Amino acid sequence: MKQPYHRVGRARFGFAGDVGKVAEARRKPLKRPAQPRARATVKAIYEAFVRILCRDGWDRVTTRNVAAEAGIAVGTLYDYFPNRLALLSGYERHAIDELLDRIEVDVITAAGTWRERLGLLVRLTANPKPADLPYFDRTMLLIENEYAEPKHHRRAYEELLGAWKRAVAACTDLPRRPADHEVEAAFSAALGARRYVVLAEPRHFDRKRWLADIEAMCMWLLAGEVAAN
């Protein structure tokens, strides 16, 4: 989840609090890319990370393997990520930012009816395997506790919920204005359902039908109407 980027300081020997802070910092990216070339480098690192994870599994995700896959020096990768947990932490933050950007561009500021915009909002949030958003899978969920603390989950939850509230407010043609608790219920249902389906990997899963049902449920909460499927 979202975590500040900073360089690791030197621990003072004998101070457990400082040692703990350094250990925590090593699970975070060292800096956020600012220049176009740096952003392109980090993008290549993320793409290489996903290819290795999908092809070879988490055990083969090492900084050296990712650097080789991305075609960069391992020292360049270390400029941003001290280890693979920091890389995964940065990638998950990247995935959240991409989702927030899509909601802003394609829902909040986009034209269209409330059904079109809110239907897309639900699908963007709930889809377990979106083709046009960063890859996310069961392995990432299983090791989240190694780098993400409750405060990071809360921050991401609040950011995404805020985007949902802005999206609903932007739909001035809604037949009724949902209460905040209804927006939060729809949001948490969509996001929570996605995460659990990714984690459980249910057999005989009809993703298209499931996604349509999640959308219908959320639309009923938001507008008192069921979306046409």
Foldseek 3Di string as FASTA:
>chain_A
DDDDAAAQDDADPPDVVNVVVNVLNLLAWNDDDDDPVLVVLLVLLLVLQVVCCVPPNPVPDWLVSSCVSSVHDSVSVCNTHVIVSNNLVVVVVVQLVQLLVCLVPQFLPDDDALLVRLLVNLCSQQQLQDPPTDHDAQVSVVCVVVRDDPVNVVVSLVSSLVSQVSRLVSNPVAPDAADSVLSSVLNCLRNVNSNVCRNVVDPPDDRVVVSLVSSQVSCCSGRVGGRDD
